[in-house]
C-alpha atoms as a PDB file:
ATOM      1  CA  UNK A   1       0.558  -0.322  -0.445  1.00  0.00           C
ATOM      2  CA  UNK A   2       1.374   3.288  -0.959  1.00  0.00           C
ATOM      3  CA  UNK A   3       0.975   5.926   0.626  1.00  0.00           C
ATOM      4  CA  UNK A   4       2.826   8.824   2.214  1.00  0.00           C
ATOM      5  CA  UNK A   5       2.825  11.474   5.905  1.00  0.00           C
ATOM      6  CA  UNK A   6       0.967  14.226   5.549  1.00  0.00           C
ATOM      7  CA  UNK A   7       1.183  16.984   8.453  1.00  0.00           C
ATOM      8  CA  UNK A   8      -3.160  17.600   8.871  1.00  0.00           C
ATOM      9  CA  UNK A   9      -5.859  18.904  11.660  1.00  0.00           C
ATOM     10  CA  UNK A  10      -9.528  17.445  11.853  1.00  0.00           C
ATOM     11  CA  UNK A  11     -11.686  19.561  11.395  1.00  0.00           C
ATOM     12  CA  UNK A  12     -14.612  21.063  12.996  1.00  0.00           C
ATOM     13  CA  UNK A  13     -18.242  21.201  11.730  1.00  0.00           C
ATOM     14  CA  UNK A  14     -17.815  24.813  11.110  1.00  0.00           C
ATOM     15  CA  UNK A  15     -14.823  25.373   9.875  1.00  0.00           C
ATOM     16  CA  UNK A  16     -15.748  22.960   6.882  1.00  0.00           C
ATOM     17  CA  UNK A  17     -18.798  24.886   6.426  1.00  0.00           C
ATOM     18  CA  UNK A  18     -16.547  27.425   5.303  1.00  0.00           C
ATOM     19  CA  UNK A  19     -15.092  25.265   2.780  1.00  0.00           C
ATOM     20  CA  UNK A  20     -15.417  25.179  -1.001  1.00  0.00           C
ATOM     21  CA  UNK A  21     -15.773  22.992  -3.971  1.00  0.00           C
ATOM     22  CA  UNK A  22     -11.884  23.630  -4.677  1.00  0.00           C
ATOM     23  CA  UNK A  23     -10.193  23.114  -1.191  1.00  0.00           C
ATOM     24  CA  UNK A  24      -8.282  20.405  -0.692  1.00  0.00           C
ATOM     25  CA  UNK A  25      -9.393  17.563   2.459  1.00  0.00           C
ATOM     26  CA  UNK A  26      -8.584  14.450   3.876  1.00  0.00           C
ATOM     27  CA  UNK A  27     -11.275  11.537   4.201  1.00  0.00           C
ATOM     28  CA  UNK A  28     -11.280   8.186   5.750  1.00  0.00           C
ATOM     29  CA  UNK A  29      -9.787   5.455   2.600  1.00  0.00           C
ATOM     30  CA  UNK A  30     -11.666   2.748   2.928  1.00  0.00           C
ATOM     31  CA  UNK A  31     -12.171   1.534  -0.980  1.00  0.00           C
ATOM     32  CA  UNK A  32     -15.290  -0.845  -1.297  1.00  0.00           C
ATOM     33  CA  UNK A  33     -16.257  -1.634   1.818  1.00  0.00           C
ATOM     34  CA  UNK A  34     -12.675  -2.245   2.452  1.00  0.00           C
ATOM     35  CA  UNK A  35     -11.380  -0.263   6.266  1.00  0.00           C
ATOM     36  CA  UNK A  36      -7.224   0.856   5.711  1.00  0.00           C
ATOM     37  CA  UNK A  37      -6.004   2.693   8.544  1.00  0.00           C
ATOM     38  CA  UNK A  38      -5.546   5.596   6.336  1.00  0.00           C
ATOM     39  CA  UNK A  39      -6.454   9.142   4.502  1.00  0.00           C
ATOM     40  CA  UNK A  40      -7.225  10.015   1.049  1.00  0.00           C
ATOM     41  CA  UNK A  41      -7.475  13.066  -0.622  1.00  0.00           C
ATOM     42  CA  UNK A  42     -10.825  14.226  -1.598  1.00  0.00           C
ATOM     43  CA  UNK A  43     -12.873  17.522  -2.711  1.00  0.00           C
ATOM     44  CA  UNK A  44     -16.741  17.891  -0.702  1.00  0.00           C
ATOM     45  CA  UNK A  45     -19.597  17.813  -3.343  1.00  0.00           C
ATOM     46  CA  UNK A  46     -20.480  20.967  -2.467  1.00  0.00           C
ATOM     47  CA  UNK A  47     -19.508  23.557  -0.644  1.00  0.00           C
ATOM     48  CA  UNK A  48     -19.913  22.863   3.429  1.00  0.00           C
ATOM     49  CA  UNK A  49     -22.735  25.767   3.918  1.00  0.00           C
ATOM     50  CA  UNK A  50     -24.649  24.327   1.626  1.00  0.00           C
ATOM     51  CA  UNK A  51     -24.422  20.956   4.088  1.00  0.00           C
ATOM     52  CA  UNK A  52     -27.729  20.394   6.994  1.00  0.00           C
ATOM     53  CA  UNK A  53     -27.884  18.007   9.659  1.00  0.00           C
ATOM     54  CA  UNK A  54     -23.767  17.987  10.462  1.00  0.00           C
ATOM     55  CA  UNK A  55     -23.542  15.900   7.699  1.00  0.00           C
ATOM     56  CA  UNK A  56     -20.952  16.261   4.779  1.00  0.00           C
ATOM     57  CA  UNK A  57     -20.476  14.420   1.636  1.00  0.00           C
ATOM     58  CA  UNK A  58     -16.998  14.058   0.047  1.00  0.00           C
ATOM     59  CA  UNK A  59     -15.665  12.498  -2.782  1.00  0.00           C
ATOM     60  CA  UNK A  60     -12.024  10.925  -2.772  1.00  0.00           C
ATOM     61  CA  UNK A  61      -9.814  11.285  -5.872  1.00  0.00           C
ATOM     62  CA  UNK A  62     -10.278   7.776  -6.472  1.00  0.00           C
ATOM     63  CA  UNK A  63     -14.403   7.792  -6.934  1.00  0.00           C
ATOM     64  CA  UNK A  64     -15.514   7.164  -3.493  1.00  0.00           C
ATOM     65  CA  UNK A  65     -17.997   8.538  -1.802  1.00  0.00           C
ATOM     66  CA  UNK A  66     -17.855   9.044   1.822  1.00  0.00           C
ATOM     67  CA  UNK A  67     -20.482  11.266   4.124  1.00  0.00           C
ATOM     68  CA  UNK A  68     -19.221  12.231   7.840  1.00  0.00           C
ATOM     69  CA  UNK A  69     -20.003  12.820  10.630  1.00  0.00           C
ATOM     70  CA  UNK A  70     -17.480  15.453  11.948  1.00  0.00           C
ATOM     71  CA  UNK A  71     -18.728  15.580  14.939  1.00  0.00           C
ATOM     72  CA  UNK A  72     -18.659  11.813  15.967  1.00  0.00           C
ATOM     73  CA  UNK A  73     -15.483  10.719  18.325  1.00  0.00           C
ATOM     74  CA  UNK A  74     -15.988   7.036  16.576  1.00  0.00           C
ATOM     75  CA  UNK A  75     -15.085   8.387  13.279  1.00  0.00           C
ATOM     76  CA  UNK A  76     -11.825   9.465  11.111  1.00  0.00           C
ATOM     77  CA  UNK A  77     -14.076  12.774  10.536  1.00  0.00           C
ATOM     78  CA  UNK A  78     -12.753  15.252   8.145  1.00  0.00           C
ATOM     79  CA  UNK A  79      -8.493  16.886   7.670  1.00  0.00           C
ATOM     80  CA  UNK A  80      -7.189  19.487   6.037  1.00  0.00           C
ATOM     81  CA  UNK A  81      -3.357  19.830   5.435  1.00  0.00           C
ATOM     82  CA  UNK A  82      -1.782  22.365   8.198  1.00  0.00           C
ATOM     83  CA  UNK A  83       2.093  22.467   8.928  1.00  0.00           C
ATOM     84  CA  UNK A  84       1.263  23.105  12.781  1.00  0.00           C
ATOM     85  CA  UNK A  85      -1.244  19.559  13.229  1.00  0.00           C
ATOM     86  CA  UNK A  86      -0.479  16.092  13.423  1.00  0.00           C
ATOM     87  CA  UNK A  87       1.157  13.633  11.080  1.00  0.00           C
ATOM     88  CA  UNK A  88      -1.209  11.134   9.539  1.00  0.00           C
ATOM     89  CA  UNK A  89      -0.839   8.482   6.657  1.00  0.00           C
ATOM     90  CA  UNK A  90      -2.979   9.646   3.268  1.00  0.00           C
ATOM     91  CA  UNK A  91      -3.037   6.679   0.174  1.00  0.00           C
ATOM     92  CA  UNK A  92      -1.261   7.458  -2.807  1.00  0.00           C
ATOM     93  CA  UNK A  93      -2.798   6.581  -6.499  1.00  0.00           C
ATOM     94  CA  UNK A  94      -1.444   3.313  -7.909  1.00  0.00           C
ATOM     95  CA  UNK A  95      -2.311   4.632 -11.937  1.00  0.00           C
ATOM     96  CA  UNK A  96      -4.886   5.991 -13.720  1.00  0.00           C
ATOM     97  CA  UNK A  97      -7.963   3.456 -14.523  1.00  0.00           C
ATOM     98  CA  UNK A  98      -9.205   4.566 -18.078  1.00  0.00           C
ATOM     99  CA  UNK A  99     -12.643   4.553 -19.770  1.00  0.00           C
ATOM    100  CA  UNK A 100     -12.442   5.018 -23.085  1.00  0.00           C
ATOM    101  CA  UNK A 101     -14.886   4.903 -25.841  1.00  0.00           C
ATOM    102  CA  UNK A 102     -12.432   4.811 -28.897  1.00  0.00           C
ATOM    103  CA  UNK A 103     -14.050   4.399 -32.818  1.00  0.00           C
ATOM    104  CA  UNK A 104     -11.296   2.519 -35.012  1.00  0.00           C
ATOM    105  CA  UNK A 105     -11.504   3.609 -38.202  1.00  0.00           C
ATOM    106  CA  UNK A 106     -12.043   0.500 -40.574  1.00  0.00           C
ATOM    107  CA  UNK A 107     -10.699  -1.695 -37.043  1.00  0.00           C
ATOM    108  CA  UNK A 108     -10.827  -4.780 -36.862  1.00  0.00           C
ATOM    109  CA  UNK A 109      -9.053  -7.627 -34.391  1.00  0.00           C
ATOM    110  CA  UNK A 110      -5.543  -7.230 -36.150  1.00  0.00           C
ATOM    111  CA  UNK A 111      -6.001  -2.774 -35.079  1.00  0.00           C
ATOM    112  CA  UNK A 112      -7.443  -3.376 -31.673  1.00  0.00           C
ATOM    113  CA  UNK A 113      -4.172  -6.022 -31.206  1.00  0.00           C
ATOM    114  CA  UNK A 114      -2.164  -3.815 -32.870  1.00  0.00           C
ATOM    115  CA  UNK A 115      -3.828  -0.894 -30.195  1.00  0.00           C
ATOM    116  CA  UNK A 116      -3.054  -2.978 -27.462  1.00  0.00           C
ATOM    117  CA  UNK A 117       0.663  -3.971 -28.027  1.00  0.00           C
ATOM    118  CA  UNK A 118       1.200  -0.288 -28.926  1.00  0.00           C
ATOM    119  CA  UNK A 119       0.316   0.790 -25.208  1.00  0.00           C
ATOM    120  CA  UNK A 120       1.960  -2.132 -23.542  1.00  0.00           C
ATOM    121  CA  UNK A 121       5.086  -0.923 -25.004  1.00  0.00           C
ATOM    122  CA  UNK A 122       4.373   2.873 -23.889  1.00  0.00           C
ATOM    123  CA  UNK A 123       3.258   1.649 -20.184  1.00  0.00           C
ATOM    124  CA  UNK A 124       5.048  -1.898 -20.060  1.00  0.00           C
ATOM    125  CA  UNK A 125       3.373  -4.931 -19.884  1.00  0.00           C
ATOM    126  CA  UNK A 126       1.700  -5.072 -16.666  1.00  0.00           C
ATOM    127  CA  UNK A 127      -0.238  -1.996 -17.406  1.00  0.00           C
ATOM    128  CA  UNK A 128      -2.939  -2.837 -19.882  1.00  0.00           C
ATOM    129  CA  UNK A 129      -5.316  -5.056 -18.426  1.00  0.00           C
ATOM    130  CA  UNK A 130      -8.804  -6.192 -20.691  1.00  0.00           C
ATOM    131  CA  UNK A 131     -11.351  -7.384 -18.263  1.00  0.00           C
ATOM    132  CA  UNK A 132     -14.347  -6.437 -20.231  1.00  0.00           C
ATOM    133  CA  UNK A 133     -13.981  -5.257 -23.956  1.00  0.00           C
ATOM    134  CA  UNK A 134     -17.174  -4.608 -26.162  1.00  0.00           C
ATOM    135  CA  UNK A 135     -15.798  -4.583 -30.150  1.00  0.00           C
ATOM    136  CA  UNK A 136     -19.303  -3.522 -32.237  1.00  0.00           C
ATOM    137  CA  UNK A 137     -19.615  -2.733 -35.403  1.00  0.00           C
ATOM    138  CA  UNK A 138     -20.383   1.229 -36.405  1.00  0.00           C
ATOM    139  CA  UNK A 139     -23.002   1.321 -39.336  1.00  0.00           C
ATOM    140  CA  UNK A 140     -21.588   3.827 -42.041  1.00  0.00           C
ATOM    141  CA  UNK A 141     -24.675   6.094 -41.479  1.00  0.00           C
ATOM    142  CA  UNK A 142     -23.492   9.775 -40.737  1.00  0.00           C
ATOM    143  CA  UNK A 143     -25.796  11.756 -38.581  1.00  0.00           C
ATOM    144  CA  UNK A 144     -26.133  14.905 -37.832  1.00  0.00           C
ATOM    145  CA  UNK A 145     -25.944  16.197 -33.703  1.00  0.00           C
ATOM    146  CA  UNK A 146     -28.074  19.172 -32.531  1.00  0.00           C
ATOM    147  CA  UNK A 147     -29.048  20.779 -29.254  1.00  0.00           C
ATOM    148  CA  UNK A 148     -31.935  22.250 -28.346  1.00  0.00           C
ATOM    149  CA  UNK A 149     -33.843  23.785 -24.894  1.00  0.00           C
ATOM    150  CA  UNK A 150     -34.504  20.582 -22.351  1.00  0.00           C
ATOM    151  CA  UNK A 151     -38.060  22.417 -21.717  1.00  0.00           C
ATOM    152  CA  UNK A 152     -40.132  24.118 -23.928  1.00  0.00           C
ATOM    153  CA  UNK A 153     -42.159  23.570 -27.226  1.00  0.00           C
ATOM    154  CA  UNK A 154     -40.502  22.088 -30.322  1.00  0.00           C
ATOM    155  CA  UNK A 155     -39.888  25.198 -33.250  1.00  0.00           C
ATOM    156  CA  UNK A 156     -40.237  23.453 -36.286  1.00  0.00           C
ATOM    157  CA  UNK A 157     -38.160  26.479 -37.883  1.00  0.00           C
ATOM    158  CA  UNK A 158     -35.053  25.600 -36.569  1.00  0.00           C
ATOM    159  CA  UNK A 159     -33.932  28.811 -34.442  1.00  0.00           C
ATOM    160  CA  UNK A 160     -33.696  27.575 -31.098  1.00  0.00           C
ATOM    161  CA  UNK A 161     -31.241  24.889 -31.067  1.00  0.00           C
ATOM    162  CA  UNK A 162     -27.391  24.923 -31.927  1.00  0.00           C
ATOM    163  CA  UNK A 163     -25.442  23.010 -34.049  1.00  0.00           C
ATOM    164  CA  UNK A 164     -22.671  20.431 -32.047  1.00  0.00           C
ATOM    165  CA  UNK A 165     -21.743  18.414 -34.455  1.00  0.00           C
ATOM    166  CA  UNK A 166     -22.631  17.392 -38.655  1.00  0.00           C
ATOM    167  CA  UNK A 167     -21.407  14.201 -40.322  1.00  0.00           C
ATOM    168  CA  UNK A 168     -20.497  11.656 -37.095  1.00  0.00           C
ATOM    169  CA  UNK A 169     -21.483   8.643 -36.637  1.00  0.00           C
ATOM    170  CA  UNK A 170     -24.053   7.349 -34.627  1.00  0.00           C
ATOM    171  CA  UNK A 171     -21.882   4.962 -32.161  1.00  0.00           C
ATOM    172  CA  UNK A 172     -20.313   7.692 -31.747  1.00  0.00           C
ATOM    173  CA  UNK A 173     -23.153  10.413 -29.916  1.00  0.00           C
ATOM    174  CA  UNK A 174     -23.409   7.103 -27.601  1.00  0.00           C
ATOM    175  CA  UNK A 175     -21.030   8.702 -25.216  1.00  0.00           C
ATOM    176  CA  UNK A 176     -21.280  12.382 -25.522  1.00  0.00           C
ATOM    177  CA  UNK A 177     -23.202  14.924 -23.131  1.00  0.00           C
ATOM    178  CA  UNK A 178     -25.455  17.975 -23.279  1.00  0.00           C
ATOM    179  CA  UNK A 179     -24.956  20.827 -22.204  1.00  0.00           C
ATOM    180  CA  UNK A 180     -26.661  21.570 -18.883  1.00  0.00           C
ATOM    181  CA  UNK A 181     -30.696  21.997 -19.213  1.00  0.00           C
ATOM    182  CA  UNK A 182     -30.580  20.884 -23.192  1.00  0.00           C
ATOM    183  CA  UNK A 183     -30.644  18.263 -24.980  1.00  0.00           C
ATOM    184  CA  UNK A 184     -29.673  16.424 -27.941  1.00  0.00           C
ATOM    185  CA  UNK A 185     -31.712  15.767 -31.649  1.00  0.00           C
ATOM    186  CA  UNK A 186     -29.947  13.501 -34.076  1.00  0.00           C
ATOM    187  CA  UNK A 187     -31.252  14.089 -37.848  1.00  0.00           C
ATOM    188  CA  UNK A 188     -30.380  12.615 -40.806  1.00  0.00           C
ATOM    189  CA  UNK A 189     -26.487  14.267 -42.313  1.00  0.00           C
ATOM    190  CA  UNK A 190     -27.849  16.347 -44.693  1.00  0.00           C
ATOM    191  CA  UNK A 191     -25.015  17.590 -46.774  1.00  0.00           C
ATOM    192  CA  UNK A 192     -24.771  21.631 -46.508  1.00  0.00           C
ATOM    193  CA  UNK A 193     -25.218  22.726 -50.412  1.00  0.00           C
ATOM    194  CA  UNK A 194     -23.715  26.482 -50.388  1.00  0.00           C
ATOM    195  CA  UNK A 195     -26.603  28.048 -53.071  1.00  0.00           C
ATOM    196  CA  UNK A 196     -24.130  31.926 -52.765  1.00  0.00           C
ATOM    197  CA  UNK A 197     -24.743  33.129 -56.331  1.00  0.00           C
ATOM    198  CA  UNK A 198     -20.982  33.255 -58.111  1.00  0.00           C
ATOM    199  CA  UNK A 199     -20.852  35.923 -59.858  1.00  0.00           C
END
């Protein structure tokens, strides 16, 4: 287990209430119900002033959600770096887990093997582990992607929509997220015809 010693102090609920989303804190490093006698770097899920009832929610850099009652002496609490504090053990990252969506044009088994071989060459034989793999044929059909407000009646003259992407594969749309408060409209691709008269 890779840890480092950090000088920190435990915060009271009043101090946590003054923290924002950008302030790095340390919370218990338990992972998937595995108790660990150390801490993990984390950030509050919303500004401290928004929490009620004395319970605070944080997300560690490893993606674990933690709920903490800072006044409970039986819990590890929330800590912040402070040179005047005490030493705690902080869990370090072992690497980065990537959840990628890759489109390989004209891809097949050979191109996937070449991709994995290149990754092993770049990072070492022990780095690339395939736990699950989905190889799906991509239909050679293109679509145009637009966004429109999620609420409100459908606008037939298209004035209340934004162009997001033209001429893309439908499979790629699955991995895109609409802007906040907007929804996607997917239409068959139409070539843009420039009918501007020329001299």
